[in-house]
Amino acid sequence: MRLNALRWFRGLLRRGLTRRRTVEMSPVRKVRIREEAPTDRFVLIIVLMIIFFAGLIALEVIHIVLLGTWNEVVFNGIMLVVGTIVGAVWGRQNG
Protein backbone atom coordinates (compact mmCIF):
# COMPACT_ATOMS: atom_id res chain seq x y z
CA MET A 1 0.00 0.00 0.00
CA ARG A 2 2.82 2.41 0.86
CA LEU A 3 4.54 1.73 -2.45
CA ASN A 4 1.35 2.50 -4.37
CA ALA A 5 0.98 5.79 -2.48
CA LEU A 6 4.56 6.72 -3.34
CA ARG A 7 3.99 5.91 -7.02
CA TRP A 8 0.80 7.97 -6.99
CA PHE A 9 2.62 10.91 -5.36
CA ARG A 10 5.52 10.70 -7.84
CA GLY A 11 3.03 10.63 -10.73
CA LEU A 12 1.25 13.65 -9.31
CA LEU A 13 4.54 15.54 -9.02
CA ARG A 14 5.57 14.47 -12.50
CA ARG A 15 2.33 15.86 -13.97
CA GLY A 16 2.70 19.07 -12.00
CA LEU A 17 6.35 19.59 -12.99
CA THR A 18 5.81 18.90 -16.69
CA ARG A 19 6.68 21.96 -18.77
CA ARG A 20 4.24 22.97 -21.47
CA ARG A 21 5.68 25.15 -24.21
CA THR A 22 4.07 26.56 -27.31
CA VAL A 23 6.08 26.14 -30.51
CA GLU A 24 5.40 28.20 -33.63
CA MET A 25 4.39 26.04 -36.60
CA SER A 26 3.27 26.68 -40.15
CA PRO A 27 0.62 29.31 -41.03
CA VAL A 28 -2.03 26.58 -41.25
CA ARG A 29 -1.41 25.35 -37.74
CA LYS A 30 -0.39 28.34 -35.68
CA VAL A 31 1.00 26.71 -32.52
CA ARG A 32 1.79 23.32 -31.12
CA ILE A 33 2.01 22.49 -27.43
CA ARG A 34 5.17 20.60 -26.51
CA GLU A 35 5.40 18.85 -23.15
CA GLU A 36 8.73 18.23 -21.46
CA ALA A 37 8.48 15.75 -18.60
CA PRO A 38 10.95 16.07 -15.71
CA THR A 39 13.60 13.41 -15.23
CA ASP A 40 13.16 10.66 -12.65
CA ARG A 41 16.11 12.06 -10.71
CA PHE A 42 14.50 15.51 -10.41
CA VAL A 43 11.18 14.04 -9.24
CA LEU A 44 12.97 11.86 -6.69
CA ILE A 45 14.86 14.88 -5.33
CA ILE A 46 11.61 16.83 -4.91
CA VAL A 47 9.94 13.83 -3.21
CA LEU A 48 12.85 13.50 -0.78
CA MET A 49 12.77 17.24 -0.02
CA ILE A 50 9.05 17.03 0.76
CA ILE A 51 9.71 14.06 3.07
CA PHE A 52 12.50 16.04 4.81
CA PHE A 53 10.13 18.99 5.13
CA ALA A 54 7.43 16.86 6.75
CA GLY A 55 9.98 15.33 9.12
CA LEU A 56 11.31 18.72 10.20
CA ILE A 57 7.78 20.03 10.76
CA ALA A 58 7.03 16.98 12.93
CA LEU A 59 10.27 17.53 14.85
CA GLU A 60 9.40 21.18 15.47
CA VAL A 61 5.89 20.27 16.67
CA ILE A 62 7.27 17.61 19.01
CA HIS A 63 9.80 20.09 20.37
CA ILE A 64 7.09 22.68 21.02
CA VAL A 65 4.74 20.16 22.64
CA LEU A 66 7.33 18.47 24.87
CA LEU A 67 9.61 21.37 25.77
CA GLY A 68 7.27 24.28 25.22
CA THR A 69 9.86 26.34 23.34
CA TRP A 70 10.57 27.22 19.73
CA ASN A 71 13.69 25.59 18.25
CA GLU A 72 15.39 28.08 15.94
CA VAL A 73 17.76 25.51 14.43
CA VAL A 74 14.93 23.24 13.28
CA PHE A 75 13.08 26.26 11.89
CA ASN A 76 16.20 27.26 9.93
CA GLY A 77 16.30 23.72 8.52
CA ILE A 78 12.66 24.06 7.47
CA MET A 79 13.42 27.34 5.71
CA LEU A 80 16.42 25.75 3.97
CA VAL A 81 14.32 22.88 2.64
CA VAL A 82 11.53 25.24 1.51
CA GLY A 83 14.06 27.45 -0.28
CA THR A 84 15.58 24.43 -2.00
CA ILE A 85 12.19 23.17 -3.21
CA VAL A 86 11.09 26.60 -4.45
CA GLY A 87 14.43 27.22 -6.16
CA ALA A 88 14.44 23.84 -7.89
CA VAL A 89 10.87 24.15 -9.14
CA TRP A 90 11.31 27.79 -10.16
CA GLY A 91 14.53 27.00 -12.01
CA ARG A 92 12.92 24.05 -13.75
CA GLN A 93 9.91 26.04 -14.95
CA ASN A 94 11.84 29.14 -16.06
CA GLY A 95 15.10 27.57 -17.15
C-alpha atoms as a PDB file:
ATOM      1  CA  MET A   1       0.000   0.000   0.000  1.00  0.00           C
ATOM      2  CA  ARG A   2       2.817   2.407   0.858  1.00  0.00           C
ATOM      3  CA  LEU A   3       4.543   1.726  -2.445  1.00  0.00           C
ATOM      4  CA  ASN A   4       1.351   2.504  -4.367  1.00  0.00           C
ATOM      5  CA  ALA A   5       0.979   5.785  -2.482  1.00  0.00           C
ATOM      6  CA  LEU A   6       4.560   6.719  -3.338  1.00  0.00           C
ATOM      7  CA  ARG A   7       3.988   5.909  -7.015  1.00  0.00           C
ATOM      8  CA  TRP A   8       0.801   7.974  -6.987  1.00  0.00           C
ATOM      9  CA  PHE A   9       2.620  10.910  -5.360  1.00  0.00           C
ATOM     10  CA  ARG A  10       5.518  10.703  -7.842  1.00  0.00           C
ATOM     11  CA  GLY A  11       3.029  10.634 -10.733  1.00  0.00           C
ATOM     12  CA  LEU A  12       1.248  13.654  -9.314  1.00  0.00           C
ATOM     13  CA  LEU A  13       4.540  15.543  -9.019  1.00  0.00           C
ATOM     14  CA  ARG A  14       5.567  14.469 -12.503  1.00  0.00           C
ATOM     15  CA  ARG A  15       2.333  15.859 -13.971  1.00  0.00           C
ATOM     16  CA  GLY A  16       2.703  19.073 -12.002  1.00  0.00           C
ATOM     17  CA  LEU A  17       6.347  19.595 -12.989  1.00  0.00           C
ATOM     18  CA  THR A  18       5.814  18.897 -16.695  1.00  0.00           C
ATOM     19  CA  ARG A  19       6.683  21.957 -18.770  1.00  0.00           C
ATOM     20  CA  ARG A  20       4.245  22.968 -21.469  1.00  0.00           C
ATOM     21  CA  ARG A  21       5.679  25.151 -24.205  1.00  0.00           C
ATOM     22  CA  THR A  22       4.075  26.556 -27.311  1.00  0.00           C
ATOM     23  CA  VAL A  23       6.077  26.140 -30.507  1.00  0.00           C
ATOM     24  CA  GLU A  24       5.398  28.198 -33.627  1.00  0.00           C
ATOM     25  CA  MET A  25       4.393  26.043 -36.595  1.00  0.00           C
ATOM     26  CA  SER A  26       3.267  26.680 -40.148  1.00  0.00           C
ATOM     27  CA  PRO A  27       0.622  29.309 -41.031  1.00  0.00           C
ATOM     28  CA  VAL A  28      -2.029  26.583 -41.251  1.00  0.00           C
ATOM     29  CA  ARG A  29      -1.412  25.349 -37.744  1.00  0.00           C
ATOM     30  CA  LYS A  30      -0.386  28.340 -35.680  1.00  0.00           C
ATOM     31  CA  VAL A  31       1.002  26.714 -32.523  1.00  0.00           C
ATOM     32  CA  ARG A  32       1.792  23.323 -31.124  1.00  0.00           C
ATOM     33  CA  ILE A  33       2.010  22.491 -27.434  1.00  0.00           C
ATOM     34  CA  ARG A  34       5.172  20.602 -26.508  1.00  0.00           C
ATOM     35  CA  GLU A  35       5.400  18.850 -23.150  1.00  0.00           C
ATOM     36  CA  GLU A  36       8.733  18.234 -21.457  1.00  0.00           C
ATOM     37  CA  ALA A  37       8.475  15.753 -18.599  1.00  0.00           C
ATOM     38  CA  PRO A  38      10.951  16.067 -15.709  1.00  0.00           C
ATOM     39  CA  THR A  39      13.605  13.412 -15.226  1.00  0.00           C
ATOM     40  CA  ASP A  40      13.157  10.663 -12.653  1.00  0.00           C
ATOM     41  CA  ARG A  41      16.107  12.058 -10.714  1.00  0.00           C
ATOM     42  CA  PHE A  42      14.501  15.506 -10.409  1.00  0.00           C
ATOM     43  CA  VAL A  43      11.178  14.043  -9.245  1.00  0.00           C
ATOM     44  CA  LEU A  44      12.974  11.857  -6.686  1.00  0.00           C
ATOM     45  CA  ILE A  45      14.863  14.881  -5.327  1.00  0.00           C
ATOM     46  CA  ILE A  46      11.613  16.827  -4.906  1.00  0.00           C
ATOM     47  CA  VAL A  47       9.944  13.827  -3.213  1.00  0.00           C
ATOM     48  CA  LEU A  48      12.849  13.504  -0.775  1.00  0.00           C
ATOM     49  CA  MET A  49      12.768  17.237  -0.023  1.00  0.00           C
ATOM     50  CA  ILE A  50       9.050  17.030   0.763  1.00  0.00           C
ATOM     51  CA  ILE A  51       9.712  14.059   3.071  1.00  0.00           C
ATOM     52  CA  PHE A  52      12.499  16.040   4.809  1.00  0.00           C
ATOM     53  CA  PHE A  53      10.128  18.993   5.127  1.00  0.00           C
ATOM     54  CA  ALA A  54       7.428  16.855   6.755  1.00  0.00           C
ATOM     55  CA  GLY A  55       9.984  15.327   9.122  1.00  0.00           C
ATOM     56  CA  LEU A  56      11.308  18.721  10.204  1.00  0.00           C
ATOM     57  CA  ILE A  57       7.781  20.026  10.755  1.00  0.00           C
ATOM     58  CA  ALA A  58       7.032  16.980  12.929  1.00  0.00           C
ATOM     59  CA  LEU A  59      10.274  17.525  14.850  1.00  0.00           C
ATOM     60  CA  GLU A  60       9.401  21.177  15.474  1.00  0.00           C
ATOM     61  CA  VAL A  61       5.890  20.268  16.668  1.00  0.00           C
ATOM     62  CA  ILE A  62       7.266  17.605  19.013  1.00  0.00           C
ATOM     63  CA  HIS A  63       9.798  20.087  20.373  1.00  0.00           C
ATOM     64  CA  ILE A  64       7.090  22.680  21.021  1.00  0.00           C
ATOM     65  CA  VAL A  65       4.742  20.158  22.637  1.00  0.00           C
ATOM     66  CA  LEU A  66       7.326  18.471  24.869  1.00  0.00           C
ATOM     67  CA  LEU A  67       9.609  21.369  25.774  1.00  0.00           C
ATOM     68  CA  GLY A  68       7.267  24.282  25.220  1.00  0.00           C
ATOM     69  CA  THR A  69       9.857  26.342  23.336  1.00  0.00           C
ATOM     70  CA  TRP A  70      10.568  27.224  19.729  1.00  0.00           C
ATOM     71  CA  ASN A  71      13.685  25.592  18.246  1.00  0.00           C
ATOM     72  CA  GLU A  72      15.393  28.082  15.940  1.00  0.00           C
ATOM     73  CA  VAL A  73      17.761  25.508  14.430  1.00  0.00           C
ATOM     74  CA  VAL A  74      14.932  23.238  13.276  1.00  0.00           C
ATOM     75  CA  PHE A  75      13.085  26.261  11.894  1.00  0.00           C
ATOM     76  CA  ASN A  76      16.197  27.259   9.927  1.00  0.00           C
ATOM     77  CA  GLY A  77      16.301  23.725   8.517  1.00  0.00           C
ATOM     78  CA  ILE A  78      12.663  24.062   7.467  1.00  0.00           C
ATOM     79  CA  MET A  79      13.421  27.335   5.707  1.00  0.00           C
ATOM     80  CA  LEU A  80      16.422  25.747   3.974  1.00  0.00           C
ATOM     81  CA  VAL A  81      14.318  22.883   2.636  1.00  0.00           C
ATOM     82  CA  VAL A  82      11.533  25.244   1.512  1.00  0.00           C
ATOM     83  CA  GLY A  83      14.058  27.453  -0.279  1.00  0.00           C
ATOM     84  CA  THR A  84      15.578  24.434  -2.000  1.00  0.00           C
ATOM     85  CA  ILE A  85      12.193  23.175  -3.207  1.00  0.00           C
ATOM     86  CA  VAL A  86      11.091  26.597  -4.447  1.00  0.00           C
ATOM     87  CA  GLY A  87      14.434  27.225  -6.157  1.00  0.00           C
ATOM     88  CA  ALA A  88      14.441  23.844  -7.888  1.00  0.00           C
ATOM     89  CA  VAL A  89      10.870  24.150  -9.144  1.00  0.00           C
ATOM     90  CA  TRP A  90      11.306  27.792 -10.158  1.00  0.00           C
ATOM     91  CA  GLY A  91      14.526  27.002 -12.009  1.00  0.00           C
ATOM     92  CA  ARG A  92      12.921  24.047 -13.753  1.00  0.00           C
ATOM     93  CA  GLN A  93       9.914  26.044 -14.946  1.00  0.00           C
ATOM     94  CA  ASN A  94      11.835  29.139 -16.057  1.00  0.00           C
ATOM     95  CA  GLY A  95      15.102  27.566 -17.152  1.00  0.00           C
END
